């Protein structure tokens, strides 16, 4: 198992470096590793195979980013104006 959380350091990367980071994560997974990370950037978190959504120290929902129940839980935590949509095969969260 690989723990790649560094105190939110990845949240401050620019988009090209975030993409590079995701490529490295996918390579670890492809090599058979489990990767655990704490992410506050929804667009990165939604690239995971499985999410554990937390709010106020409690688990709100677990499941796939593609699951409609996860989208509902994200709106519950982040507000009703949040939309989770698929663009070019990837899930993204957009504030509306």
PDB file of N, CA and C in Angstrom:
ATOM      1  N   UNK A   1       0.848  -1.163   0.000  1.00  0.00           N
ATOM      2  CA  UNK A   1       0.000   0.000   0.000  1.00  0.00           C
ATOM      3  C   UNK A   1       0.897   1.230   0.000  1.00  0.00           C
ATOM      4  N   UNK A   2       0.504   2.218  -0.755  1.00  0.00           N
ATOM      5  CA  UNK A   2       1.225   3.474  -0.827  1.00  0.00           C
ATOM      6  C   UNK A   2       0.352   4.576  -0.260  1.00  0.00           C
ATOM      7  N   UNK A   3       0.873   5.309   0.712  1.00  0.00           N
ATOM      8  CA  UNK A   3       0.184   6.475   1.269  1.00  0.00           C
ATOM      9  C   UNK A   3       0.855   7.687   0.649  1.00  0.00           C
ATOM     10  N   UNK A   4       0.116   8.447  -0.139  1.00  0.00           N
ATOM     11  CA  UNK A   4       0.737   9.558  -0.849  1.00  0.00           C
ATOM     12  C   UNK A   4       0.249  10.911  -0.376  1.00  0.00           C
ATOM     13  N   UNK A   5      -0.388  10.958   0.790  1.00  0.00           N
ATOM     14  CA  UNK A   5      -0.825  12.242   1.325  1.00  0.00           C
ATOM     15  C   UNK A   5       0.380  12.961   1.916  1.00  0.00           C
ATOM     16  N   UNK A   6       0.521  14.183   1.568  1.00  0.00           N
ATOM     17  CA  UNK A   6       1.605  15.008   2.091  1.00  0.00           C
ATOM     18  C   UNK A   6       1.038  16.315   2.625  1.00  0.00           C
ATOM     19  N   UNK A   7       0.048  16.204   3.474  1.00  0.00           N
ATOM     20  CA  UNK A   7      -0.524  17.397   4.080  1.00  0.00           C
ATOM     21  C   UNK A   7      -1.197  18.313   3.077  1.00  0.00           C
ATOM     22  N   UNK A   8      -1.766  17.761   2.030  1.00  0.00           N
ATOM     23  CA  UNK A   8      -2.460  18.573   1.041  1.00  0.00           C
ATOM     24  C   UNK A   8      -1.532  19.233   0.035  1.00  0.00           C
ATOM     25  N   UNK A   9      -0.283  18.815  -0.010  1.00  0.00           N
ATOM     26  CA  UNK A   9       0.682  19.452  -0.914  1.00  0.00           C
ATOM     27  C   UNK A   9       0.258  19.356  -2.372  1.00  0.00           C
ATOM     28  N   UNK A  10      -0.449  18.281  -2.739  1.00  0.00           N
ATOM     29  CA  UNK A  10      -0.842  18.110  -4.133  1.00  0.00           C
ATOM     30  C   UNK A  10      -1.914  19.097  -4.558  1.00  0.00           C
ATOM     31  N   UNK A  11      -2.649  19.631  -3.599  1.00  0.00           N
ATOM     32  CA  UNK A  11      -3.709  20.594  -3.917  1.00  0.00           C
ATOM     33  C   UNK A  11      -3.137  21.883  -4.488  1.00  0.00           C
ATOM     34  N   UNK A  12      -1.874  22.134  -4.221  1.00  0.00           N
ATOM     35  CA  UNK A  12      -1.266  23.388  -4.655  1.00  0.00           C
ATOM     36  C   UNK A  12      -0.483  23.257  -5.959  1.00  0.00           C
ATOM     37  N   UNK A  13      -0.559  22.105  -6.584  1.00  0.00           N
ATOM     38  CA  UNK A  13       0.119  21.916  -7.863  1.00  0.00           C
ATOM     39  C   UNK A  13      -0.697  22.536  -8.988  1.00  0.00           C
ATOM     40  N   UNK A  14       0.011  23.032 -10.003  1.00  0.00           N
ATOM     41  CA  UNK A  14      -0.697  23.548 -11.176  1.00  0.00           C
ATOM     42  C   UNK A  14      -1.217  22.362 -11.996  1.00  0.00           C
ATOM     43  N   UNK A  15      -2.165  22.613 -12.911  1.00  0.00           N
ATOM     44  CA  UNK A  15      -2.787  21.499 -13.648  1.00  0.00           C
ATOM     45  C   UNK A  15      -1.814  20.540 -14.335  1.00  0.00           C
ATOM     46  N   UNK A  16      -0.742  21.004 -14.997  1.00  0.00           N
ATOM     47  CA  UNK A  16       0.158  20.020 -15.611  1.00  0.00           C
ATOM     48  C   UNK A  16       0.821  19.096 -14.585  1.00  0.00           C
ATOM     49  N   UNK A  17       1.169  19.636 -13.415  1.00  0.00           N
ATOM     50  CA  UNK A  17       1.791  18.801 -12.391  1.00  0.00           C
ATOM     51  C   UNK A  17       0.764  17.896 -11.707  1.00  0.00           C
ATOM     52  N   UNK A  18      -0.481  18.340 -11.610  1.00  0.00           N
ATOM     53  CA  UNK A  18      -1.530  17.458 -11.097  1.00  0.00           C
ATOM     54  C   UNK A  18      -1.719  16.276 -12.043  1.00  0.00           C
ATOM     55  N   UNK A  19      -1.700  16.534 -13.341  1.00  0.00           N
ATOM     56  CA  UNK A  19      -1.832  15.454 -14.327  1.00  0.00           C
ATOM     57  C   UNK A  19      -0.651  14.489 -14.221  1.00  0.00           C
ATOM     58  N   UNK A  20       0.548  15.024 -14.018  1.00  0.00           N
ATOM     59  CA  UNK A  20       1.738  14.187 -13.856  1.00  0.00           C
ATOM     60  C   UNK A  20       1.596  13.321 -12.601  1.00  0.00           C
ATOM     61  N   UNK A  21       1.106  13.927 -11.525  1.00  0.00           N
ATOM     62  CA  UNK A  21       0.895  13.200 -10.278  1.00  0.00           C
ATOM     63  C   UNK A  21      -0.098  12.056 -10.488  1.00  0.00           C
ATOM     64  N   UNK A  22      -1.201  12.332 -11.202  1.00  0.00           N
ATOM     65  CA  UNK A  22      -2.202  11.293 -11.453  1.00  0.00           C
ATOM     66  C   UNK A  22      -1.626  10.165 -12.304  1.00  0.00           C
ATOM     67  N   UNK A  23      -0.747  10.490 -13.237  1.00  0.00           N
ATOM     68  CA  UNK A  23      -0.084   9.465 -14.046  1.00  0.00           C
ATOM     69  C   UNK A  23       0.762   8.559 -13.158  1.00  0.00           C
ATOM     70  N   UNK A  24       1.468   9.158 -12.197  1.00  0.00           N
ATOM     71  CA  UNK A  24       2.280   8.371 -11.262  1.00  0.00           C
ATOM     72  C   UNK A  24       1.401   7.475 -10.390  1.00  0.00           C
ATOM     73  N   UNK A  25       0.283   8.008  -9.930  1.00  0.00           N
ATOM     74  CA  UNK A  25      -0.640   7.214  -9.111  1.00  0.00           C
ATOM     75  C   UNK A  25      -1.180   6.039  -9.916  1.00  0.00           C
ATOM     76  N   UNK A  26      -1.607   6.301 -11.140  1.00  0.00           N
ATOM     77  CA  UNK A  26      -2.142   5.224 -11.984  1.00  0.00           C
ATOM     78  C   UNK A  26      -1.085   4.151 -12.255  1.00  0.00           C
ATOM     79  N   UNK A  27       0.168   4.560 -12.394  1.00  0.00           N
ATOM     80  CA  UNK A  27       1.252   3.597 -12.608  1.00  0.00           C
ATOM     81  C   UNK A  27       1.426   2.704 -11.381  1.00  0.00           C
ATOM     82  N   UNK A  28       1.307   3.286 -10.183  1.00  0.00           N
ATOM     83  CA  UNK A  28       1.411   2.491  -8.954  1.00  0.00           C
ATOM     84  C   UNK A  28       0.273   1.462  -8.885  1.00  0.00           C
ATOM     85  N   UNK A  29      -0.929   1.910  -9.219  1.00  0.00           N
ATOM     86  CA  UNK A  29      -2.086   1.008  -9.197  1.00  0.00           C
ATOM     87  C   UNK A  29      -1.906  -0.095 -10.237  1.00  0.00           C
ATOM     88  N   UNK A  30      -1.444   0.271 -11.432  1.00  0.00           N
ATOM     89  CA  UNK A  30      -1.224  -0.716 -12.496  1.00  0.00           C
ATOM     90  C   UNK A  30      -0.172  -1.747 -12.089  1.00  0.00           C
ATOM     91  N   UNK A  31       0.756  -1.334 -11.213  1.00  0.00           N
ATOM     92  CA  UNK A  31       1.799  -2.243 -10.741  1.00  0.00           C
ATOM     93  C   UNK A  31       1.316  -3.113  -9.579  1.00  0.00           C
ATOM     94  N   UNK A  32       0.037  -2.979  -9.225  1.00  0.00           N
ATOM     95  CA  UNK A  32      -0.522  -3.832  -8.187  1.00  0.00           C
ATOM     96  C   UNK A  32      -0.562  -3.230  -6.797  1.00  0.00           C
ATOM     97  N   UNK A  33      -0.221  -1.968  -6.669  1.00  0.00           N
ATOM     98  CA  UNK A  33      -0.242  -1.304  -5.365  1.00  0.00           C
ATOM     99  C   UNK A  33      -1.628  -0.744  -5.066  1.00  0.00           C
ATOM    100  N   UNK A  34      -1.969  -0.710  -3.796  1.00  0.00           N
ATOM    101  CA  UNK A  34      -3.130   0.052  -3.343  1.00  0.00           C
ATOM    102  C   UNK A  34      -2.625   1.435  -2.975  1.00  0.00           C
ATOM    103  N   UNK A  35      -3.335   2.449  -3.378  1.00  0.00           N
ATOM    104  CA  UNK A  35      -2.923   3.822  -3.096  1.00  0.00           C
ATOM    105  C   UNK A  35      -3.998   4.474  -2.243  1.00  0.00           C
ATOM    106  N   UNK A  36      -3.572   5.039  -1.121  1.00  0.00           N
ATOM    107  CA  UNK A  36      -4.481   5.738  -0.217  1.00  0.00           C
ATOM    108  C   UNK A  36      -4.017   7.178  -0.126  1.00  0.00           C
ATOM    109  N   UNK A  37      -4.943   8.101  -0.314  1.00  0.00           N
ATOM    110  CA  UNK A  37      -4.587   9.514  -0.241  1.00  0.00           C
ATOM    111  C   UNK A  37      -5.758  10.308   0.304  1.00  0.00           C
ATOM    112  N   UNK A  38      -5.438  11.384   0.993  1.00  0.00           N
ATOM    113  CA  UNK A  38      -6.448  12.337   1.447  1.00  0.00           C
ATOM    114  C   UNK A  38      -6.420  13.491   0.464  1.00  0.00           C
ATOM    115  N   UNK A  39      -7.544  13.726  -0.203  1.00  0.00           N
ATOM    116  CA  UNK A  39      -7.610  14.770  -1.223  1.00  0.00           C
ATOM    117  C   UNK A  39      -8.739  15.739  -0.915  1.00  0.00           C
ATOM    118  N   UNK A  40      -8.466  17.003  -1.114  1.00  0.00           N
ATOM    119  CA  UNK A  40      -9.483  18.036  -0.951  1.00  0.00           C
ATOM    120  C   UNK A  40      -9.870  18.636  -2.296  1.00  0.00           C
ATOM    121  N   UNK A  41      -9.172  18.238  -3.334  1.00  0.00           N
ATOM    122  CA  UNK A  41      -9.474  18.682  -4.690  1.00  0.00           C
ATOM    123  C   UNK A  41     -10.423  17.656  -5.307  1.00  0.00           C
ATOM    124  N   UNK A  42     -11.683  18.042  -5.478  1.00  0.00           N
ATOM    125  CA  UNK A  42     -12.681  17.085  -5.955  1.00  0.00           C
ATOM    126  C   UNK A  42     -12.345  16.517  -7.322  1.00  0.00           C
ATOM    127  N   UNK A  43     -11.783  17.345  -8.213  1.00  0.00           N
ATOM    128  CA  UNK A  43     -11.482  16.832  -9.557  1.00  0.00           C
ATOM    129  C   UNK A  43     -10.423  15.733  -9.512  1.00  0.00           C
ATOM    130  N   UNK A  44      -9.538  15.763  -8.525  1.00  0.00           N
ATOM    131  CA  UNK A  44      -8.565  14.679  -8.368  1.00  0.00           C
ATOM    132  C   UNK A  44      -9.207  13.481  -7.676  1.00  0.00           C
ATOM    133  N   UNK A  45      -9.971  13.740  -6.628  1.00  0.00           N
ATOM    134  CA  UNK A  45     -10.611  12.651  -5.888  1.00  0.00           C
ATOM    135  C   UNK A  45     -11.541  11.839  -6.787  1.00  0.00           C
ATOM    136  N   UNK A  46     -12.216  12.513  -7.705  1.00  0.00           N
ATOM    137  CA  UNK A  46     -13.166  11.822  -8.579  1.00  0.00           C
ATOM    138  C   UNK A  46     -12.487  10.912  -9.601  1.00  0.00           C
ATOM    139  N   UNK A  47     -11.165  10.931  -9.661  1.00  0.00           N
ATOM    140  CA  UNK A  47     -10.432  10.026 -10.552  1.00  0.00           C
ATOM    141  C   UNK A  47     -10.136   8.693  -9.881  1.00  0.00           C
ATOM    142  N   UNK A  48     -10.456   8.592  -8.591  1.00  0.00           N
ATOM    143  CA  UNK A  48     -10.182   7.367  -7.834  1.00  0.00           C
ATOM    144  C   UNK A  48     -11.131   6.242  -8.251  1.00  0.00           C
ATOM    145  N   UNK A  49     -10.744   5.026  -7.933  1.00  0.00           N
ATOM    146  CA  UNK A  49     -11.623   3.875  -8.151  1.00  0.00           C
ATOM    147  C   UNK A  49     -12.699   3.803  -7.072  1.00  0.00           C
ATOM    148  N   UNK A  50     -12.355   4.254  -5.868  1.00  0.00           N
ATOM    149  CA  UNK A  50     -13.264   4.180  -4.726  1.00  0.00           C
ATOM    150  C   UNK A  50     -13.035   5.410  -3.853  1.00  0.00           C
ATOM    151  N   UNK A  51     -14.121   6.015  -3.396  1.00  0.00           N
ATOM    152  CA  UNK A  51     -14.038   7.196  -2.537  1.00  0.00           C
ATOM    153  C   UNK A  51     -14.628   6.905  -1.170  1.00  0.00           C
ATOM    154  N   UNK A  52     -14.038   7.529  -0.165  1.00  0.00           N
ATOM    155  CA  UNK A  52     -14.621   7.587   1.168  1.00  0.00           C
ATOM    156  C   UNK A  52     -14.837   9.070   1.429  1.00  0.00           C
ATOM    157  N   UNK A  53     -16.075   9.512   1.368  1.00  0.00           N
ATOM    158  CA  UNK A  53     -16.423  10.921   1.549  1.00  0.00           C
ATOM    159  C   UNK A  53     -16.668  11.173   3.026  1.00  0.00           C
ATOM    160  N   UNK A  54     -15.946  12.166   3.568  1.00  0.00           N
ATOM    161  CA  UNK A  54     -16.073  12.492   4.984  1.00  0.00           C
ATOM    162  C   UNK A  54     -16.489  13.941   5.157  1.00  0.00           C
ATOM    163  N   UNK A  55     -17.197  14.198   6.241  1.00  0.00           N
ATOM    164  CA  UNK A  55     -17.555  15.560   6.631  1.00  0.00           C
ATOM    165  C   UNK A  55     -17.578  15.613   8.153  1.00  0.00           C
ATOM    166  N   UNK A  56     -16.940  16.614   8.692  1.00  0.00           N
ATOM    167  CA  UNK A  56     -16.885  16.812  10.141  1.00  0.00           C
ATOM    168  C   UNK A  56     -16.403  15.560  10.868  1.00  0.00           C
ATOM    169  N   UNK A  57     -15.404  14.890  10.281  1.00  0.00           N
ATOM    170  CA  UNK A  57     -14.790  13.728  10.906  1.00  0.00           C
ATOM    171  C   UNK A  57     -15.580  12.436  10.808  1.00  0.00           C
ATOM    172  N   UNK A  58     -16.666  12.444  10.053  1.00  0.00           N
ATOM    173  CA  UNK A  58     -17.494  11.246   9.919  1.00  0.00           C
ATOM    174  C   UNK A  58     -17.589  10.814   8.459  1.00  0.00           C
ATOM    175  N   UNK A  59     -17.696   9.514   8.253  1.00  0.00           N
ATOM    176  CA  UNK A  59     -17.894   8.995   6.905  1.00  0.00           C
ATOM    177  C   UNK A  59     -19.342   9.246   6.499  1.00  0.00           C
ATOM    178  N   UNK A  60     -19.506   9.925   5.365  1.00  0.00           N
ATOM    179  CA  UNK A  60     -20.830  10.247   4.836  1.00  0.00           C
ATOM    180  C   UNK A  60     -21.268   9.204   3.814  1.00  0.00           C
ATOM    181  N   UNK A  61     -20.324   8.775   2.970  1.00  0.00           N
ATOM    182  CA  UNK A  61     -20.656   7.822   1.907  1.00  0.00           C
ATOM    183  C   UNK A  61     -19.366   7.195   1.398  1.00  0.00           C
ATOM    184  N   UNK A  62     -19.459   5.961   0.951  1.00  0.00           N
ATOM    185  CA  UNK A  62     -18.337   5.307   0.276  1.00  0.00           C
ATOM    186  C   UNK A  62     -18.856   4.703  -1.021  1.00  0.00           C
ATOM    187  N   UNK A  63     -17.986   4.668  -2.016  1.00  0.00           N
ATOM    188  CA  UNK A  63     -18.383   4.058  -3.276  1.00  0.00           C
ATOM    189  C   UNK A  63     -17.624   4.606  -4.458  1.00  0.00           C
ATOM    190  N   UNK A  64     -18.110   4.267  -5.610  1.00  0.00           N
ATOM    191  CA  UNK A  64     -17.504   4.675  -6.873  1.00  0.00           C
ATOM    192  C   UNK A  64     -17.862   6.123  -7.200  1.00  0.00           C
ATOM    193  N   UNK A  65     -16.935   6.858  -7.816  1.00  0.00           N
ATOM    194  CA  UNK A  65     -17.255   8.210  -8.281  1.00  0.00           C
ATOM    195  C   UNK A  65     -18.371   8.221  -9.321  1.00  0.00           C
ATOM    196  N   UNK A  66     -18.614   7.100  -9.981  1.00  0.00           N
ATOM    197  CA  UNK A  66     -19.664   7.019 -11.003  1.00  0.00           C
ATOM    198  C   UNK A  66     -21.049   6.783 -10.401  1.00  0.00           C
ATOM    199  N   UNK A  67     -21.105   6.462  -9.126  1.00  0.00           N
ATOM    200  CA  UNK A  67     -22.357   6.126  -8.451  1.00  0.00           C
ATOM    201  C   UNK A  67     -23.203   7.377  -8.207  1.00  0.00           C
ATOM    202  N   UNK A  68     -24.456   7.348  -8.639  1.00  0.00           N
ATOM    203  CA  UNK A  68     -25.359   8.494  -8.444  1.00  0.00           C
ATOM    204  C   UNK A  68     -25.523   8.830  -6.966  1.00  0.00           C
ATOM    205  N   UNK A  69     -25.481   7.821  -6.100  1.00  0.00           N
ATOM    206  CA  UNK A  69     -25.580   8.078  -4.660  1.00  0.00           C
ATOM    207  C   UNK A  69     -24.373   8.871  -4.161  1.00  0.00           C
ATOM    208  N   UNK A  70     -23.196   8.650  -4.769  1.00  0.00           N
ATOM    209  CA  UNK A  70     -22.011   9.438  -4.404  1.00  0.00           C
ATOM    210  C   UNK A  70     -22.208  10.885  -4.826  1.00  0.00           C
ATOM    211  N   UNK A  71     -22.776  11.106  -5.994  1.00  0.00           N
ATOM    212  CA  UNK A  71     -23.030  12.471  -6.468  1.00  0.00           C
ATOM    213  C   UNK A  71     -23.979  13.185  -5.511  1.00  0.00           C
ATOM    214  N   UNK A  72     -25.013  12.478  -5.057  1.00  0.00           N
ATOM    215  CA  UNK A  72     -25.950  13.057  -4.088  1.00  0.00           C
ATOM    216  C   UNK A  72     -25.243  13.388  -2.779  1.00  0.00           C
ATOM    217  N   UNK A  73     -24.377  12.489  -2.327  1.00  0.00           N
ATOM    218  CA  UNK A  73     -23.637  12.722  -1.081  1.00  0.00           C
ATOM    219  C   UNK A  73     -22.694  13.915  -1.217  1.00  0.00           C
ATOM    220  N   UNK A  74     -22.063  14.065  -2.373  1.00  0.00           N
ATOM    221  CA  UNK A  74     -21.191  15.223  -2.602  1.00  0.00           C
ATOM    222  C   UNK A  74     -21.989  16.519  -2.529  1.00  0.00           C
ATOM    223  N   UNK A  75     -23.188  16.531  -3.113  1.00  0.00           N
ATOM    224  CA  UNK A  75     -24.045  17.724  -3.032  1.00  0.00           C
ATOM    225  C   UNK A  75     -24.491  17.985  -1.594  1.00  0.00           C
ATOM    226  N   UNK A  76     -24.726  16.914  -0.847  1.00  0.00           N
ATOM    227  CA  UNK A  76     -25.107  17.059   0.556  1.00  0.00           C
ATOM    228  C   UNK A  76     -23.984  17.746   1.339  1.00  0.00           C
ATOM    229  N   UNK A  77     -22.743  17.354   1.078  1.00  0.00           N
ATOM    230  CA  UNK A  77     -21.597  17.900   1.807  1.00  0.00           C
ATOM    231  C   UNK A  77     -21.200  19.279   1.299  1.00  0.00           C
ATOM    232  N   UNK A  78     -21.179  19.465  -0.020  1.00  0.00           N
ATOM    233  CA  UNK A  78     -20.634  20.694  -0.596  1.00  0.00           C
ATOM    234  C   UNK A  78     -21.683  21.691  -1.077  1.00  0.00           C
ATOM    235  N   UNK A  79     -22.937  21.320  -1.006  1.00  0.00           N
ATOM    236  CA  UNK A  79     -23.998  22.252  -1.377  1.00  0.00           C
ATOM    237  C   UNK A  79     -24.723  21.833  -2.632  1.00  0.00           C
ATOM    238  N   UNK A  80     -25.988  22.239  -2.731  1.00  0.00           N
ATOM    239  CA  UNK A  80     -26.831  21.796  -3.848  1.00  0.00           C
ATOM    240  C   UNK A  80     -26.420  22.350  -5.205  1.00  0.00           C
ATOM    241  N   UNK A  81     -25.577  23.376  -5.232  1.00  0.00           N
ATOM    242  CA  UNK A  81     -25.178  23.932  -6.530  1.00  0.00           C
ATOM    243  C   UNK A  81     -24.050  23.136  -7.186  1.00  0.00           C
ATOM    244  N   UNK A  82     -23.504  22.142  -6.487  1.00  0.00           N
ATOM    245  CA  UNK A  82     -22.442  21.313  -7.051  1.00  0.00           C
ATOM    246  C   UNK A  82     -23.035  20.345  -8.072  1.00  0.00           C
ATOM    247  N   UNK A  83     -22.403  20.249  -9.217  1.00  0.00           N
ATOM    248  CA  UNK A  83     -22.807  19.284 -10.240  1.00  0.00           C
ATOM    249  C   UNK A  83     -21.631  18.359 -10.522  1.00  0.00           C
ATOM    250  N   UNK A  84     -21.908  17.071 -10.570  1.00  0.00           N
ATOM    251  CA  UNK A  84     -20.894  16.082 -10.928  1.00  0.00           C
ATOM    252  C   UNK A  84     -21.256  15.585 -12.314  1.00  0.00           C
ATOM    253  N   UNK A  85     -20.349  15.809 -13.264  1.00  0.00           N
ATOM    254  CA  UNK A  85     -20.606  15.458 -14.657  1.00  0.00           C
ATOM    255  C   UNK A  85     -19.412  14.695 -15.219  1.00  0.00           C
ATOM    256  N   UNK A  86     -19.670  13.977 -16.280  1.00  0.00           N
ATOM    257  CA  UNK A  86     -18.604  13.241 -16.946  1.00  0.00           C
ATOM    258  C   UNK A  86     -18.201  13.999 -18.202  1.00  0.00           C
ATOM    259  N   UNK A  87     -16.900  14.265 -18.313  1.00  0.00           N
ATOM    260  CA  UNK A  87     -16.341  14.948 -19.476  1.00  0.00           C
ATOM    261  C   UNK A  87     -15.203  14.086 -20.009  1.00  0.00           C
ATOM    262  N   UNK A  88     -15.320  13.689 -21.258  1.00  0.00           N
ATOM    263  CA  UNK A  88     -14.306  12.848 -21.905  1.00  0.00           C
ATOM    264  C   UNK A  88     -13.961  11.627 -21.056  1.00  0.00           C
ATOM    265  N   UNK A  89     -14.993  11.020 -20.477  1.00  0.00           N
ATOM    266  CA  UNK A  89     -14.803   9.789 -19.725  1.00  0.00           C
ATOM    267  C   UNK A  89     -14.336   9.953 -18.294  1.00  0.00           C
ATOM    268  N   UNK A  90     -14.213  11.191 -17.823  1.00  0.00           N
ATOM    269  CA  UNK A  90     -13.757  11.429 -16.448  1.00  0.00           C
ATOM    270  C   UNK A  90     -14.785  12.248 -15.689  1.00  0.00           C
ATOM    271  N   UNK A  91     -14.952  11.911 -14.421  1.00  0.00           N
ATOM    272  CA  UNK A  91     -15.892  12.640 -13.583  1.00  0.00           C
ATOM    273  C   UNK A  91     -15.254  13.911 -13.058  1.00  0.00           C
ATOM    274  N   UNK A  92     -16.003  15.003 -13.097  1.00  0.00           N
ATOM    275  CA  UNK A  92     -15.545  16.291 -12.559  1.00  0.00           C
ATOM    276  C   UNK A  92     -16.684  16.914 -11.758  1.00  0.00           C
ATOM    277  N   UNK A  93     -16.326  17.750 -10.801  1.00  0.00           N
ATOM    278  CA  UNK A  93     -17.311  18.468  -9.989  1.00  0.00           C
ATOM    279  C   UNK A  93     -17.246  19.939 -10.364  1.00  0.00           C
ATOM    280  N   UNK A  94     -18.407  20.496 -10.650  1.00  0.00           N
ATOM    281  CA  UNK A  94     -18.486  21.896 -11.068  1.00  0.00           C
ATOM    282  C   UNK A  94     -19.436  22.657 -10.153  1.00  0.00           C
ATOM    283  N   UNK A  95     -18.990  23.810  -9.644  1.00  0.00           N
ATOM    284  CA  UNK A  95     -19.918  24.649  -8.884  1.00  0.00           C
ATOM    285  C   UNK A  95     -20.762  25.455  -9.861  1.00  0.00           C
ATOM    286  N   UNK A  96     -22.071  25.450  -9.668  1.00  0.00           N
ATOM    287  CA  UNK A  96     -22.955  26.202 -10.557  1.00  0.00           C
ATOM    288  C   UNK A  96     -23.653  27.296  -9.794  1.00  0.00           C
TER     289      UNK A  96
END
